[in-house]
Amino acid sequence: MGRITFFEERNFQGRSYECSTDCSDIQMHLSRCNSCRVDNGCFVVYDRPNFMGNQGFLRRGEYPDLQRMGSMMGMMTMENIRSCRMIPMQHRGQFRMKIYERENFSGQMHELMDDCESLQDRFYMSDCQSCNVLDGHWLMFEQPNFRGRMLYVRPGEYRNLRDMGVSNLSRISSIKRVMDLC
């Protein structure tokens, strides 16, 4: 089971809030978040409530200064964490995802069962605008080689990836299975 603790101040100081499941609005418990510790599991954090907005991926470890870490990784300003989602680690089956060049499952379609460092190099696709996640949990990245802004997707249909609230996400260029990161 995952467990993450958020702290109002840097270096794990000030009031704290611990959770081991999804939390749709962290500001119900803390006024701000400047550091956190992931004791177990992996989490996706969001800069807006209800699992919306820019996202960051956190795995087991200590994050004493989230604002500094966010700017070093080209991610959102992590001080604005407003919600978090625990990534389940029980998945032992296949990883399968259908990706589509355009929204509403149109344009080129390809099926992924493993990581893809560059959609352009592998499929000659310049972008992925919709997908159907059949099995597993995935991270989709704006730049090749799993860099830039990211988007977490779990099993389900995503007719328009731009509607998921990630600001200024220009395109999807690479995709990684979450099991490789936790």
C-alpha atoms as a PDB file:
ATOM      1  CA  MET A   1       0.000   0.000   0.000  1.00  0.00           C
ATOM      2  CA  GLY A   2       1.282   3.483  -0.845  1.00  0.00           C
ATOM      3  CA  ARG A   3       1.822   6.239   1.674  1.00  0.00           C
ATOM      4  CA  ILE A   4       2.752   9.880   1.120  1.00  0.00           C
ATOM      5  CA  THR A   5       3.123  12.684   3.670  1.00  0.00           C
ATOM      6  CA  PHE A   6       2.834  16.340   2.643  1.00  0.00           C
ATOM      7  CA  PHE A   7       4.382  19.149   4.739  1.00  0.00           C
ATOM      8  CA  GLU A   8       3.544  22.849   4.695  1.00  0.00           C
ATOM      9  CA  GLU A   9       7.180  23.927   4.993  1.00  0.00           C
ATOM     10  CA  ARG A  10      10.402  22.905   3.286  1.00  0.00           C
ATOM     11  CA  ASN A  11      12.573  20.169   4.824  1.00  0.00           C
ATOM     12  CA  PHE A  12       9.572  18.292   6.268  1.00  0.00           C
ATOM     13  CA  GLN A  13       8.668  21.033   8.739  1.00  0.00           C
ATOM     14  CA  GLY A  14       5.325  22.493   9.784  1.00  0.00           C
ATOM     15  CA  ARG A  15       1.917  20.882   9.678  1.00  0.00           C
ATOM     16  CA  SER A  16       1.657  17.608   7.792  1.00  0.00           C
ATOM     17  CA  TYR A  17      -0.964  15.485   6.114  1.00  0.00           C
ATOM     18  CA  GLU A  18      -0.502  11.766   5.441  1.00  0.00           C
ATOM     19  CA  CYS A  19      -2.530   9.792   2.949  1.00  0.00           C
ATOM     20  CA  SER A  20      -2.479   6.312   1.466  1.00  0.00           C
ATOM     21  CA  THR A  21      -5.174   6.759  -1.145  1.00  0.00           C
ATOM     22  CA  ASP A  22      -6.397   9.366  -3.618  1.00  0.00           C
ATOM     23  CA  CYS A  23      -7.005  12.870  -2.241  1.00  0.00           C
ATOM     24  CA  SER A  24      -9.097  15.219  -4.390  1.00  0.00           C
ATOM     25  CA  ASP A  25      -8.247  18.413  -2.451  1.00  0.00           C
ATOM     26  CA  ILE A  26      -5.164  18.584  -0.239  1.00  0.00           C
ATOM     27  CA  GLN A  27      -5.954  22.179   0.747  1.00  0.00           C
ATOM     28  CA  MET A  28      -8.738  20.810   2.926  1.00  0.00           C
ATOM     29  CA  HIS A  29      -5.882  19.606   5.183  1.00  0.00           C
ATOM     30  CA  LEU A  30      -2.964  22.005   4.533  1.00  0.00           C
ATOM     31  CA  SER A  31      -2.742  25.612   3.355  1.00  0.00           C
ATOM     32  CA  ARG A  32       0.278  24.876   1.119  1.00  0.00           C
ATOM     33  CA  CYS A  33       2.764  22.113   0.341  1.00  0.00           C
ATOM     34  CA  ASN A  34       6.523  22.749   0.199  1.00  0.00           C
ATOM     35  CA  SER A  35       7.928  19.249   0.862  1.00  0.00           C
ATOM     36  CA  CYS A  36       6.809  15.642   0.959  1.00  0.00           C
ATOM     37  CA  ARG A  37       7.984  12.136   1.682  1.00  0.00           C
ATOM     38  CA  VAL A  38       6.822   9.053  -0.196  1.00  0.00           C
ATOM     39  CA  ASP A  39       7.278   6.114   2.172  1.00  0.00           C
ATOM     40  CA  ASN A  40       5.810   3.516  -0.134  1.00  0.00           C
ATOM     41  CA  GLY A  41       4.398   3.325  -3.647  1.00  0.00           C
ATOM     42  CA  CYS A  42       4.074   5.896  -6.410  1.00  0.00           C
ATOM     43  CA  PHE A  43       1.816   8.942  -6.709  1.00  0.00           C
ATOM     44  CA  VAL A  44       0.799  11.450  -9.332  1.00  0.00           C
ATOM     45  CA  VAL A  45       0.347  14.954  -7.941  1.00  0.00           C
ATOM     46  CA  TYR A  46      -1.761  17.664  -9.602  1.00  0.00           C
ATOM     47  CA  ASP A  47      -1.704  21.458  -9.332  1.00  0.00           C
ATOM     48  CA  ARG A  48      -5.527  21.678  -9.272  1.00  0.00           C
ATOM     49  CA  PRO A  49      -8.173  19.914  -7.194  1.00  0.00           C
ATOM     50  CA  ASN A  50     -10.011  16.858  -8.480  1.00  0.00           C
ATOM     51  CA  PHE A  51      -6.986  15.392 -10.288  1.00  0.00           C
ATOM     52  CA  MET A  52      -6.816  18.148 -12.880  1.00  0.00           C
ATOM     53  CA  GLY A  53      -4.054  20.377 -14.172  1.00  0.00           C
ATOM     54  CA  ASN A  54      -0.336  19.907 -14.537  1.00  0.00           C
ATOM     55  CA  GLN A  55       1.025  16.681 -13.129  1.00  0.00           C
ATOM     56  CA  GLY A  56       4.157  15.370 -11.460  1.00  0.00           C
ATOM     57  CA  PHE A  57       5.233  11.798 -10.745  1.00  0.00           C
ATOM     58  CA  LEU A  58       6.623  10.941  -7.295  1.00  0.00           C
ATOM     59  CA  ARG A  59       8.068   7.595  -6.270  1.00  0.00           C
ATOM     60  CA  ARG A  60       9.524   6.416  -2.969  1.00  0.00           C
ATOM     61  CA  GLY A  61      11.886   9.056  -1.631  1.00  0.00           C
ATOM     62  CA  GLU A  62      12.207  12.395   0.085  1.00  0.00           C
ATOM     63  CA  TYR A  63      11.406  15.697  -1.599  1.00  0.00           C
ATOM     64  CA  PRO A  64      12.633  18.442   0.817  1.00  0.00           C
ATOM     65  CA  ASP A  65      11.987  21.378  -1.551  1.00  0.00           C
ATOM     66  CA  LEU A  66       9.192  20.740  -4.047  1.00  0.00           C
ATOM     67  CA  GLN A  67       9.430  24.156  -5.664  1.00  0.00           C
ATOM     68  CA  ARG A  68      13.126  23.664  -6.490  1.00  0.00           C
ATOM     69  CA  MET A  69      12.579  20.071  -7.642  1.00  0.00           C
ATOM     70  CA  GLY A  70       9.743  21.112  -9.955  1.00  0.00           C
ATOM     71  CA  SER A  71      11.778  23.766 -11.732  1.00  0.00           C
ATOM     72  CA  MET A  72      14.784  21.425 -12.146  1.00  0.00           C
ATOM     73  CA  MET A  73      12.635  18.760 -13.800  1.00  0.00           C
ATOM     74  CA  GLY A  74      10.728  21.205 -16.034  1.00  0.00           C
ATOM     75  CA  MET A  75       7.511  20.311 -14.238  1.00  0.00           C
ATOM     76  CA  MET A  76       4.863  22.472 -12.654  1.00  0.00           C
ATOM     77  CA  THR A  77       5.700  24.610  -9.646  1.00  0.00           C
ATOM     78  CA  MET A  78       5.184  21.867  -7.135  1.00  0.00           C
ATOM     79  CA  GLU A  79       4.262  24.260  -4.320  1.00  0.00           C
ATOM     80  CA  ASN A  80       0.771  24.257  -5.794  1.00  0.00           C
ATOM     81  CA  ILE A  81      -0.026  20.586  -5.175  1.00  0.00           C
ATOM     82  CA  ARG A  82      -3.786  20.449  -4.769  1.00  0.00           C
ATOM     83  CA  SER A  83      -4.611  16.751  -5.292  1.00  0.00           C
ATOM     84  CA  CYS A  84      -2.874  13.393  -5.562  1.00  0.00           C
ATOM     85  CA  ARG A  85      -3.644   9.978  -6.948  1.00  0.00           C
ATOM     86  CA  MET A  86      -2.016   6.756  -5.778  1.00  0.00           C
ATOM     87  CA  ILE A  87      -0.926   4.496  -8.628  1.00  0.00           C
ATOM     88  CA  PRO A  88      -1.955   0.918  -7.836  1.00  0.00           C
ATOM     89  CA  MET A  89       0.959  -1.484  -7.938  1.00  0.00           C
ATOM     90  CA  GLN A  90      -0.986  -4.773  -8.037  1.00  0.00           C
ATOM     91  CA  HIS A  91      -1.071  -4.871 -11.845  1.00  0.00           C
ATOM     92  CA  ARG A  92       0.669  -8.072 -12.913  1.00  0.00           C
ATOM     93  CA  GLY A  93      -0.855  -8.582 -16.336  1.00  0.00           C
ATOM     94  CA  GLN A  94      -0.194  -7.238 -19.763  1.00  0.00           C
ATOM     95  CA  PHE A  95       0.191  -3.594 -20.642  1.00  0.00           C
ATOM     96  CA  ARG A  96      -1.916  -2.610 -23.648  1.00  0.00           C
ATOM     97  CA  MET A  97      -2.914   0.735 -25.046  1.00  0.00           C
ATOM     98  CA  LYS A  98      -4.316   1.868 -28.384  1.00  0.00           C
ATOM     99  CA  ILE A  99      -3.114   5.323 -29.384  1.00  0.00           C
ATOM    100  CA  TYR A 100      -4.721   7.523 -32.022  1.00  0.00           C
ATOM    101  CA  GLU A 101      -3.289  10.392 -33.975  1.00  0.00           C
ATOM    102  CA  ARG A 102      -6.412  12.531 -33.594  1.00  0.00           C
ATOM    103  CA  GLU A 103      -9.114  13.062 -30.996  1.00  0.00           C
ATOM    104  CA  ASN A 104     -12.180  10.789 -30.843  1.00  0.00           C
ATOM    105  CA  PHE A 105     -10.134   7.731 -31.823  1.00  0.00           C
ATOM    106  CA  SER A 106      -9.484   8.847 -35.400  1.00  0.00           C
ATOM    107  CA  GLY A 107      -6.436   9.033 -37.634  1.00  0.00           C
ATOM    108  CA  GLN A 108      -3.577   6.557 -37.420  1.00  0.00           C
ATOM    109  CA  MET A 109      -3.990   3.899 -34.716  1.00  0.00           C
ATOM    110  CA  HIS A 110      -1.239   1.827 -33.148  1.00  0.00           C
ATOM    111  CA  GLU A 111      -1.224  -0.608 -30.254  1.00  0.00           C
ATOM    112  CA  LEU A 112       1.452  -0.375 -27.573  1.00  0.00           C
ATOM    113  CA  MET A 113       2.453  -3.113 -25.176  1.00  0.00           C
ATOM    114  CA  ASP A 114       5.779  -1.623 -24.104  1.00  0.00           C
ATOM    115  CA  ASP A 115       7.513   1.740 -23.730  1.00  0.00           C
ATOM    116  CA  CYS A 116       7.894   4.022 -26.732  1.00  0.00           C
ATOM    117  CA  GLU A 117      10.734   6.572 -26.562  1.00  0.00           C
ATOM    118  CA  SER A 118       9.547   8.424 -29.669  1.00  0.00           C
ATOM    119  CA  LEU A 119       6.197   8.150 -31.442  1.00  0.00           C
ATOM    120  CA  GLN A 120       7.712   9.960 -34.412  1.00  0.00           C
ATOM    121  CA  ASP A 121      10.596   7.492 -34.824  1.00  0.00           C
ATOM    122  CA  ARG A 122       8.593   4.343 -34.152  1.00  0.00           C
ATOM    123  CA  PHE A 123       5.255   5.046 -35.832  1.00  0.00           C
ATOM    124  CA  TYR A 124       5.885   8.235 -37.848  1.00  0.00           C
ATOM    125  CA  MET A 125       3.215   9.902 -35.692  1.00  0.00           C
ATOM    126  CA  SER A 126       3.800  13.517 -34.721  1.00  0.00           C
ATOM    127  CA  ASP A 127       1.215  13.429 -31.937  1.00  0.00           C
ATOM    128  CA  CYS A 128      -1.270  11.314 -30.012  1.00  0.00           C
ATOM    129  CA  GLN A 129      -4.554  13.065 -29.221  1.00  0.00           C
ATOM    130  CA  SER A 130      -6.695  10.186 -27.929  1.00  0.00           C
ATOM    131  CA  CYS A 131      -6.165   6.705 -26.527  1.00  0.00           C
ATOM    132  CA  ASN A 132      -7.853   3.646 -25.112  1.00  0.00           C
ATOM    133  CA  VAL A 133      -5.941   2.124 -22.199  1.00  0.00           C
ATOM    134  CA  LEU A 134      -6.869  -1.542 -22.147  1.00  0.00           C
ATOM    135  CA  ASP A 135      -4.440  -2.764 -19.452  1.00  0.00           C
ATOM    136  CA  GLY A 136      -1.941  -1.152 -17.105  1.00  0.00           C
ATOM    137  CA  HIS A 137      -1.059   2.373 -16.035  1.00  0.00           C
ATOM    138  CA  TRP A 138       0.954   4.670 -18.302  1.00  0.00           C
ATOM    139  CA  LEU A 139       2.704   8.038 -18.353  1.00  0.00           C
ATOM    140  CA  MET A 140       2.587  10.045 -21.574  1.00  0.00           C
ATOM    141  CA  PHE A 141       5.271  12.704 -22.108  1.00  0.00           C
ATOM    142  CA  GLU A 142       5.412  15.856 -24.178  1.00  0.00           C
ATOM    143  CA  GLN A 143       8.964  15.229 -25.443  1.00  0.00           C
ATOM    144  CA  PRO A 144      10.831  12.152 -26.709  1.00  0.00           C
ATOM    145  CA  ASN A 145      12.769  10.019 -24.210  1.00  0.00           C
ATOM    146  CA  PHE A 146      10.172  10.535 -21.452  1.00  0.00           C
ATOM    147  CA  ARG A 147      10.853  14.231 -20.848  1.00  0.00           C
ATOM    148  CA  GLY A 148       8.782  17.374 -20.395  1.00  0.00           C
ATOM    149  CA  ARG A 149       5.253  17.664 -19.076  1.00  0.00           C
ATOM    150  CA  MET A 150       3.491  14.396 -18.415  1.00  0.00           C
ATOM    151  CA  LEU A 151       0.022  12.950 -18.360  1.00  0.00           C
ATOM    152  CA  TYR A 152      -1.022   9.904 -16.300  1.00  0.00           C
ATOM    153  CA  VAL A 153      -3.600   7.553 -17.828  1.00  0.00           C
ATOM    154  CA  ARG A 154      -5.155   4.441 -16.333  1.00  0.00           C
ATOM    155  CA  PRO A 155      -7.549   1.909 -17.916  1.00  0.00           C
ATOM    156  CA  GLY A 156     -10.295   3.716 -19.790  1.00  0.00           C
ATOM    157  CA  GLU A 157     -11.116   5.719 -22.885  1.00  0.00           C
ATOM    158  CA  TYR A 158      -9.635   9.180 -23.415  1.00  0.00           C
ATOM    159  CA  ARG A 159     -11.346  10.856 -26.391  1.00  0.00           C
ATOM    160  CA  ASN A 160      -9.350  14.090 -26.128  1.00  0.00           C
ATOM    161  CA  LEU A 161      -6.127  14.225 -24.135  1.00  0.00           C
ATOM    162  CA  ARG A 162      -6.118  18.046 -24.328  1.00  0.00           C
ATOM    163  CA  ASP A 163      -9.305  18.128 -22.223  1.00  0.00           C
ATOM    164  CA  MET A 164      -7.539  16.627 -19.207  1.00  0.00           C
ATOM    165  CA  GLY A 165      -6.509  20.043 -17.894  1.00  0.00           C
ATOM    166  CA  VAL A 166      -2.748  19.924 -18.488  1.00  0.00           C
ATOM    167  CA  SER A 167      -1.902  23.490 -19.439  1.00  0.00           C
ATOM    168  CA  ASN A 168       0.239  24.119 -22.485  1.00  0.00           C
ATOM    169  CA  LEU A 169       0.761  20.437 -23.279  1.00  0.00           C
ATOM    170  CA  SER A 170       1.883  20.794 -26.867  1.00  0.00           C
ATOM    171  CA  ARG A 171       1.896  17.126 -27.907  1.00  0.00           C
ATOM    172  CA  ILE A 172       2.474  13.563 -26.772  1.00  0.00           C
ATOM    173  CA  SER A 173       5.853  12.326 -27.994  1.00  0.00           C
ATOM    174  CA  SER A 174       6.738   9.355 -25.746  1.00  0.00           C
ATOM    175  CA  ILE A 175       4.906   6.840 -23.549  1.00  0.00           C
ATOM    176  CA  LYS A 176       6.140   4.738 -20.593  1.00  0.00           C
ATOM    177  CA  ARG A 177       4.614   1.958 -18.527  1.00  0.00           C
ATOM    178  CA  VAL A 178       4.402   2.913 -14.867  1.00  0.00           C
ATOM    179  CA  MET A 179       5.759  -0.467 -13.724  1.00  0.00           C
ATOM    180  CA  ASP A 180       9.169   0.578 -15.044  1.00  0.00           C
ATOM    181  CA  LEU A 181       9.271   3.550 -12.672  1.00  0.00           C
ATOM    182  CA  CYS A 182       8.072   2.243  -9.295  1.00  0.00           C
END
